[in-house]
């Protein structure tokens, strides 16, 4: 019994090691849908508030005319990362990346009430991007797949 109990206690008590190497992902978003009437802005108590529209629905998934390629560099040790959108040439830091056992969640506030969210599956590599405009009155979603990529070879 002692042979079984001691290793079991050690496994529970000791912290698991975290992979300190950054993860490089190349994601191809090739389908999209939208919900143009997800919410309404109303004046409540002297403030403009977005109220969800219960009658709104997403359109069906349809292929994008041109797929969007996004490259991620994610570091599980410090829960941070960066992303590069190949289409726009814009690179931006991600202040918080939430690594979970089955997915990686990224949420980034943008101009005013706009939000950008990514949900990347660690099981099958699928990705869903959700962009919420004007505090949630309009929502655009795109989905696709991610693959691990090699780091760029640089001189410095």
Foldseek 3Di string as FASTA:
>chain_A
DVVVVVVVVVVVPDDDDFDQAKFKKKWKWWKKKKFQAQWDWDQDPNDTDTDGDPPIDIDDIDTDPGIWIKMKTAGPVQQWIKIATPVVRDIDIQPGWDDDPFWIKGWDDDDDQKIWIWIATPPFFKIKIWIAPPNRRMIMITIGGMDTDDDDDDPD
